[in-house]
Amino acid sequence: RNELKGTITIMVGMLAALEKEARWKMMITRMRTIAAYPTAQCSWHVGEMFTAVEALSPIDRERVDATRTEVMMSLSSDERRALMVAMDVLSAA
């Protein structure tokens, strides 16, 4: 798990450095993958991504958050629901 946490941190940092189109493509692929996981695993991944985003500079954080919002709006309702449930699990913990 520690290695996976490190990989997620690196991936989020890479997202911030990418051009908008590449950032969007990478983010949508990642979000769709996470949404397909069982709830507990999905929540863990969402939590780790949020933690990694919070560690970014304010400008990079804003860039990644804006892309994440755009991607969330483009996901299917089932994918959005899975991610929202994961976020609810995190906020309840």
PDB file of N, CA and C in Angstrom:
ATOM      1  N   ARG A   1       0.818  -1.205   0.000  1.00  0.00           N
ATOM      2  CA  ARG A   1       0.000   0.000   0.000  1.00  0.00           C
ATOM      3  C   ARG A   1       0.855   1.258   0.000  1.00  0.00           C
ATOM      4  N   ASN A   2       1.961   1.232   0.715  1.00  0.00           N
ATOM      5  CA  ASN A   2       2.806   2.422   0.746  1.00  0.00           C
ATOM      6  C   ASN A   2       3.336   2.757  -0.641  1.00  0.00           C
ATOM      7  N   GLU A   3       3.675   1.714  -1.396  1.00  0.00           N
ATOM      8  CA  GLU A   3       4.160   1.939  -2.757  1.00  0.00           C
ATOM      9  C   GLU A   3       3.049   2.535  -3.622  1.00  0.00           C
ATOM     10  N   LEU A   4       1.829   2.045  -3.453  1.00  0.00           N
ATOM     11  CA  LEU A   4       0.689   2.570  -4.205  1.00  0.00           C
ATOM     12  C   LEU A   4       0.413   4.024  -3.830  1.00  0.00           C
ATOM     13  N   LYS A   5       0.523   4.350  -2.545  1.00  0.00           N
ATOM     14  CA  LYS A   5       0.353   5.745  -2.114  1.00  0.00           C
ATOM     15  C   LYS A   5       1.366   6.641  -2.818  1.00  0.00           C
ATOM     16  N   GLY A   6       2.606   6.190  -2.885  1.00  0.00           N
ATOM     17  CA  GLY A   6       3.644   6.955  -3.562  1.00  0.00           C
ATOM     18  C   GLY A   6       3.343   7.133  -5.042  1.00  0.00           C
ATOM     19  N   THR A   7       2.845   6.076  -5.653  1.00  0.00           N
ATOM     20  CA  THR A   7       2.496   6.138  -7.075  1.00  0.00           C
ATOM     21  C   THR A   7       1.366   7.136  -7.312  1.00  0.00           C
ATOM     22  N   ILE A   8       0.370   7.126  -6.431  1.00  0.00           N
ATOM     23  CA  ILE A   8      -0.750   8.073  -6.562  1.00  0.00           C
ATOM     24  C   ILE A   8      -0.244   9.503  -6.395  1.00  0.00           C
ATOM     25  N   THR A   9       0.629   9.732  -5.444  1.00  0.00           N
ATOM     26  CA  THR A   9       1.194  11.066  -5.232  1.00  0.00           C
ATOM     27  C   THR A   9       1.943  11.541  -6.467  1.00  0.00           C
ATOM     28  N   ILE A  10       2.739  10.671  -7.051  1.00  0.00           N
ATOM     29  CA  ILE A  10       3.483  11.015  -8.269  1.00  0.00           C
ATOM     30  C   ILE A  10       2.519  11.289  -9.412  1.00  0.00           C
ATOM     31  N   MET A  11       1.491  10.439  -9.558  1.00  0.00           N
ATOM     32  CA  MET A  11       0.519  10.609 -10.643  1.00  0.00           C
ATOM     33  C   MET A  11      -0.206  11.951 -10.534  1.00  0.00           C
ATOM     34  N   VAL A  12      -0.589  12.325  -9.331  1.00  0.00           N
ATOM     35  CA  VAL A  12      -1.293  13.602  -9.149  1.00  0.00           C
ATOM     36  C   VAL A  12      -0.364  14.763  -9.482  1.00  0.00           C
ATOM     37  N   GLY A  13       0.893  14.661  -9.088  1.00  0.00           N
ATOM     38  CA  GLY A  13       1.860  15.694  -9.453  1.00  0.00           C
ATOM     39  C   GLY A  13       2.052  15.790 -10.956  1.00  0.00           C
ATOM     40  N   MET A  14       2.039  14.644 -11.623  1.00  0.00           N
ATOM     41  CA  MET A  14       2.155  14.632 -13.087  1.00  0.00           C
ATOM     42  C   MET A  14       0.927  15.262 -13.730  1.00  0.00           C
ATOM     43  N   LEU A  15      -0.240  14.974 -13.164  1.00  0.00           N
ATOM     44  CA  LEU A  15      -1.472  15.566 -13.690  1.00  0.00           C
ATOM     45  C   LEU A  15      -1.376  17.086 -13.725  1.00  0.00           C
ATOM     46  N   ALA A  16      -0.888  17.652 -12.653  1.00  0.00           N
ATOM     47  CA  ALA A  16      -0.799  19.110 -12.550  1.00  0.00           C
ATOM     48  C   ALA A  16       0.118  19.697 -13.612  1.00  0.00           C
ATOM     49  N   ALA A  17       1.123  18.936 -14.023  1.00  0.00           N
ATOM     50  CA  ALA A  17       2.111  19.440 -14.990  1.00  0.00           C
ATOM     51  C   ALA A  17       1.673  19.273 -16.445  1.00  0.00           C
ATOM     52  N   LEU A  18       0.658  18.468 -16.675  1.00  0.00           N
ATOM     53  CA  LEU A  18       0.225  18.198 -18.048  1.00  0.00           C
ATOM     54  C   LEU A  18      -0.592  19.345 -18.640  1.00  0.00           C
ATOM     55  N   GLU A  19      -0.603  19.399 -19.961  1.00  0.00           N
ATOM     56  CA  GLU A  19      -1.495  20.333 -20.657  1.00  0.00           C
ATOM     57  C   GLU A  19      -2.933  19.879 -20.413  1.00  0.00           C
ATOM     58  N   LYS A  20      -3.873  20.788 -20.591  1.00  0.00           N
ATOM     59  CA  LYS A  20      -5.262  20.537 -20.232  1.00  0.00           C
ATOM     60  C   LYS A  20      -5.827  19.264 -20.858  1.00  0.00           C
ATOM     61  N   GLU A  21      -5.645  19.070 -22.154  1.00  0.00           N
ATOM     62  CA  GLU A  21      -6.216  17.903 -22.827  1.00  0.00           C
ATOM     63  C   GLU A  21      -5.624  16.604 -22.290  1.00  0.00           C
ATOM     64  N   ALA A  22      -4.317  16.563 -22.125  1.00  0.00           N
ATOM     65  CA  ALA A  22      -3.659  15.367 -21.597  1.00  0.00           C
ATOM     66  C   ALA A  22      -4.075  15.121 -20.149  1.00  0.00           C
ATOM     67  N   ARG A  23      -4.200  16.190 -19.363  1.00  0.00           N
ATOM     68  CA  ARG A  23      -4.632  16.075 -17.966  1.00  0.00           C
ATOM     69  C   ARG A  23      -6.047  15.488 -17.904  1.00  0.00           C
ATOM     70  N   TRP A  24      -6.926  15.977 -18.794  1.00  0.00           N
ATOM     71  CA  TRP A  24      -8.308  15.505 -18.830  1.00  0.00           C
ATOM     72  C   TRP A  24      -8.353  14.020 -19.188  1.00  0.00           C
ATOM     73  N   LYS A  25      -7.587  13.611 -20.208  1.00  0.00           N
ATOM     74  CA  LYS A  25      -7.578  12.205 -20.630  1.00  0.00           C
ATOM     75  C   LYS A  25      -7.069  11.297 -19.514  1.00  0.00           C
ATOM     76  N   MET A  26      -6.002  11.706 -18.860  1.00  0.00           N
ATOM     77  CA  MET A  26      -5.443  10.892 -17.783  1.00  0.00           C
ATOM     78  C   MET A  26      -6.419  10.834 -16.603  1.00  0.00           C
ATOM     79  N   MET A  27      -7.033  11.960 -16.288  1.00  0.00           N
ATOM     80  CA  MET A  27      -7.958  12.020 -15.158  1.00  0.00           C
ATOM     81  C   MET A  27      -9.207  11.178 -15.422  1.00  0.00           C
ATOM     82  N   ILE A  28      -9.770  11.253 -16.613  1.00  0.00           N
ATOM     83  CA  ILE A  28     -10.990  10.483 -16.872  1.00  0.00           C
ATOM     84  C   ILE A  28     -10.712   8.990 -16.846  1.00  0.00           C
ATOM     85  N   THR A  29      -9.558   8.582 -17.354  1.00  0.00           N
ATOM     86  CA  THR A  29      -9.188   7.170 -17.303  1.00  0.00           C
ATOM     87  C   THR A  29      -9.067   6.709 -15.858  1.00  0.00           C
ATOM     88  N   ARG A  30      -8.407   7.503 -15.061  1.00  0.00           N
ATOM     89  CA  ARG A  30      -8.207   7.158 -13.635  1.00  0.00           C
ATOM     90  C   ARG A  30      -9.532   7.140 -12.880  1.00  0.00           C
ATOM     91  N   MET A  31     -10.372   8.130 -13.095  1.00  0.00           N
ATOM     92  CA  MET A  31     -11.646   8.221 -12.377  1.00  0.00           C
ATOM     93  C   MET A  31     -12.570   7.064 -12.768  1.00  0.00           C
ATOM     94  N   ARG A  32     -12.580   6.696 -14.036  1.00  0.00           N
ATOM     95  CA  ARG A  32     -13.406   5.555 -14.467  1.00  0.00           C
ATOM     96  C   ARG A  32     -12.908   4.258 -13.829  1.00  0.00           C
ATOM     97  N   THR A  33     -11.609   4.112 -13.745  1.00  0.00           N
ATOM     98  CA  THR A  33     -11.032   2.925 -13.118  1.00  0.00           C
ATOM     99  C   THR A  33     -11.411   2.865 -11.646  1.00  0.00           C
ATOM    100  N   ILE A  34     -11.244   3.973 -10.946  1.00  0.00           N
ATOM    101  CA  ILE A  34     -11.570   4.018  -9.521  1.00  0.00           C
ATOM    102  C   ILE A  34     -13.059   3.758  -9.295  1.00  0.00           C
ATOM    103  N   ALA A  35     -13.904   4.325 -10.125  1.00  0.00           N
ATOM    104  CA  ALA A  35     -15.355   4.154  -9.967  1.00  0.00           C
ATOM    105  C   ALA A  35     -15.780   2.696 -10.111  1.00  0.00           C
ATOM    106  N   ALA A  36     -15.003   1.899 -10.819  1.00  0.00           N
ATOM    107  CA  ALA A  36     -15.339   0.487 -11.029  1.00  0.00           C
ATOM    108  C   ALA A  36     -14.928  -0.396  -9.851  1.00  0.00           C
ATOM    109  N   TYR A  37     -14.128   0.131  -8.928  1.00  0.00           N
ATOM    110  CA  TYR A  37     -13.682  -0.648  -7.776  1.00  0.00           C
ATOM    111  C   TYR A  37     -14.828  -0.845  -6.788  1.00  0.00           C
ATOM    112  N   PRO A  38     -14.733  -1.867  -5.934  1.00  0.00           N
ATOM    113  CA  PRO A  38     -15.685  -1.993  -4.824  1.00  0.00           C
ATOM    114  C   PRO A  38     -15.601  -0.745  -3.936  1.00  0.00           C
ATOM    115  N   THR A  39     -16.655  -0.453  -3.211  1.00  0.00           N
ATOM    116  CA  THR A  39     -16.757   0.800  -2.454  1.00  0.00           C
ATOM    117  C   THR A  39     -15.564   1.073  -1.546  1.00  0.00           C
ATOM    118  N   ALA A  40     -15.139   0.092  -0.774  1.00  0.00           N
ATOM    119  CA  ALA A  40     -14.018   0.322   0.153  1.00  0.00           C
ATOM    120  C   ALA A  40     -12.739   0.671  -0.596  1.00  0.00           C
ATOM    121  N   GLN A  41     -12.462  -0.038  -1.660  1.00  0.00           N
ATOM    122  CA  GLN A  41     -11.262   0.230  -2.454  1.00  0.00           C
ATOM    123  C   GLN A  41     -11.390   1.575  -3.167  1.00  0.00           C
ATOM    124  N   CYS A  42     -12.568   1.869  -3.686  1.00  0.00           N
ATOM    125  CA  CYS A  42     -12.825   3.152  -4.348  1.00  0.00           C
ATOM    126  C   CYS A  42     -12.586   4.299  -3.363  1.00  0.00           C
ATOM    127  N   SER A  43     -13.118   4.156  -2.150  1.00  0.00           N
ATOM    128  CA  SER A  43     -12.949   5.201  -1.124  1.00  0.00           C
ATOM    129  C   SER A  43     -11.489   5.417  -0.785  1.00  0.00           C
ATOM    130  N   TRP A  44     -10.735   4.318  -0.672  1.00  0.00           N
ATOM    131  CA  TRP A  44      -9.318   4.448  -0.349  1.00  0.00           C
ATOM    132  C   TRP A  44      -8.591   5.233  -1.433  1.00  0.00           C
ATOM    133  N   HIS A  45      -8.845   4.895  -2.695  1.00  0.00           N
ATOM    134  CA  HIS A  45      -8.189   5.580  -3.806  1.00  0.00           C
ATOM    135  C   HIS A  45      -8.594   7.051  -3.876  1.00  0.00           C
ATOM    136  N   VAL A  46      -9.870   7.331  -3.695  1.00  0.00           N
ATOM    137  CA  VAL A  46     -10.333   8.726  -3.705  1.00  0.00           C
ATOM    138  C   VAL A  46      -9.657   9.501  -2.572  1.00  0.00           C
ATOM    139  N   GLY A  47      -9.594   8.898  -1.399  1.00  0.00           N
ATOM    140  CA  GLY A  47      -8.937   9.556  -0.259  1.00  0.00           C
ATOM    141  C   GLY A  47      -7.472   9.851  -0.521  1.00  0.00           C
ATOM    142  N   GLU A  48      -6.779   8.892  -1.102  1.00  0.00           N
ATOM    143  CA  GLU A  48      -5.360   9.100  -1.411  1.00  0.00           C
ATOM    144  C   GLU A  48      -5.180  10.188  -2.470  1.00  0.00           C
ATOM    145  N   MET A  49      -6.078  10.220  -3.448  1.00  0.00           N
ATOM    146  CA  MET A  49      -5.992  11.275  -4.463  1.00  0.00           C
ATOM    147  C   MET A  49      -6.233  12.644  -3.831  1.00  0.00           C
ATOM    148  N   PHE A  50      -7.232  12.743  -2.959  1.00  0.00           N
ATOM    149  CA  PHE A  50      -7.507  14.015  -2.287  1.00  0.00           C
ATOM    150  C   PHE A  50      -6.305  14.465  -1.457  1.00  0.00           C
ATOM    151  N   THR A  51      -5.695  13.520  -0.748  1.00  0.00           N
ATOM    152  CA  THR A  51      -4.512  13.841   0.056  1.00  0.00           C
ATOM    153  C   THR A  51      -3.379  14.358  -0.829  1.00  0.00           C
ATOM    154  N   ALA A  52      -3.171  13.692  -1.951  1.00  0.00           N
ATOM    155  CA  ALA A  52      -2.105  14.112  -2.873  1.00  0.00           C
ATOM    156  C   ALA A  52      -2.399  15.480  -3.472  1.00  0.00           C
ATOM    157  N   VAL A  53      -3.646  15.746  -3.805  1.00  0.00           N
ATOM    158  CA  VAL A  53      -4.020  17.049  -4.373  1.00  0.00           C
ATOM    159  C   VAL A  53      -3.794  18.152  -3.333  1.00  0.00           C
ATOM    160  N   GLU A  54      -4.125  17.883  -2.092  1.00  0.00           N
ATOM    161  CA  GLU A  54      -3.939  18.885  -1.030  1.00  0.00           C
ATOM    162  C   GLU A  54      -2.471  19.248  -0.834  1.00  0.00           C
ATOM    163  N   ALA A  55      -1.572  18.348  -1.188  1.00  0.00           N
ATOM    164  CA  ALA A  55      -0.136  18.606  -1.032  1.00  0.00           C
ATOM    165  C   ALA A  55       0.444  19.459  -2.163  1.00  0.00           C
ATOM    166  N   LEU A  56      -0.345  19.683  -3.220  1.00  0.00           N
ATOM    167  CA  LEU A  56       0.130  20.480  -4.356  1.00  0.00           C
ATOM    168  C   LEU A  56       0.151  21.965  -4.013  1.00  0.00           C
ATOM    169  N   SER A  57       0.861  22.730  -4.816  1.00  0.00           N
ATOM    170  CA  SER A  57       0.832  24.184  -4.663  1.00  0.00           C
ATOM    171  C   SER A  57      -0.588  24.663  -4.973  1.00  0.00           C
ATOM    172  N   PRO A  58      -0.973  25.838  -4.494  1.00  0.00           N
ATOM    173  CA  PRO A  58      -2.327  26.332  -4.758  1.00  0.00           C
ATOM    174  C   PRO A  58      -2.682  26.393  -6.249  1.00  0.00           C
ATOM    175  N   ILE A  59      -1.751  26.789  -7.082  1.00  0.00           N
ATOM    176  CA  ILE A  59      -2.027  26.881  -8.522  1.00  0.00           C
ATOM    177  C   ILE A  59      -2.231  25.493  -9.114  1.00  0.00           C
ATOM    178  N   ASP A  60      -1.358  24.542  -8.766  1.00  0.00           N
ATOM    179  CA  ASP A  60      -1.495  23.183  -9.270  1.00  0.00           C
ATOM    180  C   ASP A  60      -2.769  22.533  -8.735  1.00  0.00           C
ATOM    181  N   ARG A  61      -3.080  22.785  -7.463  1.00  0.00           N
ATOM    182  CA  ARG A  61      -4.290  22.233  -6.861  1.00  0.00           C
ATOM    183  C   ARG A  61      -5.532  22.734  -7.602  1.00  0.00           C
ATOM    184  N   GLU A  62      -5.549  24.011  -7.910  1.00  0.00           N
ATOM    185  CA  GLU A  62      -6.680  24.582  -8.635  1.00  0.00           C
ATOM    186  C   GLU A  62      -6.818  23.947 -10.021  1.00  0.00           C
ATOM    187  N   ARG A  63      -5.704  23.754 -10.688  1.00  0.00           N
ATOM    188  CA  ARG A  63      -5.704  23.153 -12.023  1.00  0.00           C
ATOM    189  C   ARG A  63      -6.257  21.720 -11.982  1.00  0.00           C
ATOM    190  N   VAL A  64      -5.788  20.927 -11.033  1.00  0.00           N
ATOM    191  CA  VAL A  64      -6.244  19.539 -10.917  1.00  0.00           C
ATOM    192  C   VAL A  64      -7.714  19.497 -10.470  1.00  0.00           C
ATOM    193  N   ASP A  65      -8.088  20.342  -9.522  1.00  0.00           N
ATOM    194  CA  ASP A  65      -9.487  20.374  -9.064  1.00  0.00           C
ATOM    195  C   ASP A  65     -10.440  20.755 -10.193  1.00  0.00           C
ATOM    196  N   ALA A  66     -10.048  21.719 -11.008  1.00  0.00           N
ATOM    197  CA  ALA A  66     -10.898  22.135 -12.132  1.00  0.00           C
ATOM    198  C   ALA A  66     -11.078  20.984 -13.118  1.00  0.00           C
ATOM    199  N   THR A  67     -10.007  20.274 -13.398  1.00  0.00           N
ATOM    200  CA  THR A  67     -10.093  19.126 -14.304  1.00  0.00           C
ATOM    201  C   THR A  67     -10.950  18.035 -13.688  1.00  0.00           C
ATOM    202  N   ARG A  68     -10.778  17.775 -12.403  1.00  0.00           N
ATOM    203  CA  ARG A  68     -11.571  16.744 -11.731  1.00  0.00           C
ATOM    204  C   ARG A  68     -13.062  17.078 -11.811  1.00  0.00           C
ATOM    205  N   THR A  69     -13.410  18.333 -11.631  1.00  0.00           N
ATOM    206  CA  THR A  69     -14.807  18.754 -11.725  1.00  0.00           C
ATOM    207  C   THR A  69     -15.347  18.531 -13.129  1.00  0.00           C
ATOM    208  N   GLU A  70     -14.581  18.904 -14.145  1.00  0.00           N
ATOM    209  CA  GLU A  70     -14.995  18.688 -15.533  1.00  0.00           C
ATOM    210  C   GLU A  70     -15.186  17.197 -15.818  1.00  0.00           C
ATOM    211  N   VAL A  71     -14.252  16.396 -15.352  1.00  0.00           N
ATOM    212  CA  VAL A  71     -14.323  14.950 -15.582  1.00  0.00           C
ATOM    213  C   VAL A  71     -15.544  14.367 -14.881  1.00  0.00           C
ATOM    214  N   MET A  72     -15.786  14.762 -13.642  1.00  0.00           N
ATOM    215  CA  MET A  72     -16.948  14.254 -12.908  1.00  0.00           C
ATOM    216  C   MET A  72     -18.237  14.532 -13.680  1.00  0.00           C
ATOM    217  N   MET A  73     -18.334  15.698 -14.282  1.00  0.00           N
ATOM    218  CA  MET A  73     -19.538  16.050 -15.031  1.00  0.00           C
ATOM    219  C   MET A  73     -19.694  15.203 -16.290  1.00  0.00           C
ATOM    220  N   SER A  74     -18.598  14.682 -16.811  1.00  0.00           N
ATOM    221  CA  SER A  74     -18.666  13.914 -18.054  1.00  0.00           C
ATOM    222  C   SER A  74     -18.828  12.408 -17.828  1.00  0.00           C
ATOM    223  N   LEU A  75     -18.717  11.956 -16.589  1.00  0.00           N
ATOM    224  CA  LEU A  75     -18.863  10.537 -16.283  1.00  0.00           C
ATOM    225  C   LEU A  75     -20.331  10.116 -16.354  1.00  0.00           C
ATOM    226  N   SER A  76     -20.545   8.828 -16.496  1.00  0.00           N
ATOM    227  CA  SER A  76     -21.916   8.315 -16.468  1.00  0.00           C
ATOM    228  C   SER A  76     -22.489   8.502 -15.061  1.00  0.00           C
ATOM    229  N   SER A  77     -23.780   8.436 -14.949  1.00  0.00           N
ATOM    230  CA  SER A  77     -24.407   8.614 -13.634  1.00  0.00           C
ATOM    231  C   SER A  77     -23.970   7.510 -12.663  1.00  0.00           C
ATOM    232  N   ASP A  78     -23.768   6.288 -13.152  1.00  0.00           N
ATOM    233  CA  ASP A  78     -23.298   5.204 -12.285  1.00  0.00           C
ATOM    234  C   ASP A  78     -21.880   5.463 -11.776  1.00  0.00           C
ATOM    235  N   GLU A  79     -21.022   5.953 -12.659  1.00  0.00           N
ATOM    236  CA  GLU A  79     -19.642   6.265 -12.250  1.00  0.00           C
ATOM    237  C   GLU A  79     -19.630   7.406 -11.241  1.00  0.00           C
ATOM    238  N   ARG A  80     -20.406   8.448 -11.513  1.00  0.00           N
ATOM    239  CA  ARG A  80     -20.497   9.580 -10.570  1.00  0.00           C
ATOM    240  C   ARG A  80     -21.016   9.113  -9.223  1.00  0.00           C
ATOM    241  N   ARG A  81     -22.045   8.283  -9.244  1.00  0.00           N
ATOM    242  CA  ARG A  81     -22.644   7.779  -7.999  1.00  0.00           C
ATOM    243  C   ARG A  81     -21.608   6.996  -7.194  1.00  0.00           C
ATOM    244  N   ALA A  82     -20.848   6.138  -7.852  1.00  0.00           N
ATOM    245  CA  ALA A  82     -19.822   5.350  -7.152  1.00  0.00           C
ATOM    246  C   ALA A  82     -18.791   6.257  -6.494  1.00  0.00           C
ATOM    247  N   LEU A  83     -18.380   7.296  -7.201  1.00  0.00           N
ATOM    248  CA  LEU A  83     -17.390   8.222  -6.636  1.00  0.00           C
ATOM    249  C   LEU A  83     -17.985   9.053  -5.511  1.00  0.00           C
ATOM    250  N   MET A  84     -19.247   9.433  -5.639  1.00  0.00           N
ATOM    251  CA  MET A  84     -19.896  10.218  -4.577  1.00  0.00           C
ATOM    252  C   MET A  84     -20.077   9.363  -3.314  1.00  0.00           C
ATOM    253  N   VAL A  85     -20.418   8.090  -3.495  1.00  0.00           N
ATOM    254  CA  VAL A  85     -20.522   7.181  -2.345  1.00  0.00           C
ATOM    255  C   VAL A  85     -19.159   7.069  -1.664  1.00  0.00           C
ATOM    256  N   ALA A  86     -18.106   6.961  -2.457  1.00  0.00           N
ATOM    257  CA  ALA A  86     -16.747   6.883  -1.900  1.00  0.00           C
ATOM    258  C   ALA A  86     -16.426   8.144  -1.092  1.00  0.00           C
ATOM    259  N   MET A  87     -16.802   9.294  -1.610  1.00  0.00           N
ATOM    260  CA  MET A  87     -16.563  10.555  -0.885  1.00  0.00           C
ATOM    261  C   MET A  87     -17.380  10.611   0.401  1.00  0.00           C
ATOM    262  N   ASP A  88     -18.608  10.094   0.357  1.00  0.00           N
ATOM    263  CA  ASP A  88     -19.448  10.053   1.557  1.00  0.00           C
ATOM    264  C   ASP A  88     -18.822   9.158   2.625  1.00  0.00           C
ATOM    265  N   VAL A  89     -18.272   8.019   2.201  1.00  0.00           N
ATOM    266  CA  VAL A  89     -17.608   7.104   3.131  1.00  0.00           C
ATOM    267  C   VAL A  89     -16.421   7.821   3.790  1.00  0.00           C
ATOM    268  N   LEU A  90     -15.684   8.582   3.002  1.00  0.00           N
ATOM    269  CA  LEU A  90     -14.532   9.317   3.541  1.00  0.00           C
ATOM    270  C   LEU A  90     -14.966  10.366   4.552  1.00  0.00           C
ATOM    271  N   SER A  91     -16.021  11.096   4.237  1.00  0.00           N
ATOM    272  CA  SER A  91     -16.460  12.164   5.147  1.00  0.00           C
ATOM    273  C   SER A  91     -17.057  11.592   6.432  1.00  0.00           C
ATOM    274  N   ALA A  92     -17.579  10.369   6.374  1.00  0.00           N
ATOM    275  CA  ALA A  92     -18.150   9.736   7.568  1.00  0.00           C
ATOM    276  C   ALA A  92     -17.071   9.152   8.464  1.00  0.00           C
ATOM    277  N   ALA A  93     -15.898   8.932   7.905  1.00  0.00           N
ATOM    278  CA  ALA A  93     -14.815   8.300   8.687  1.00  0.00           C
ATOM    279  C   ALA A  93     -14.144   9.261   9.627  1.00  0.00           C
TER     280      ALA A  93
END
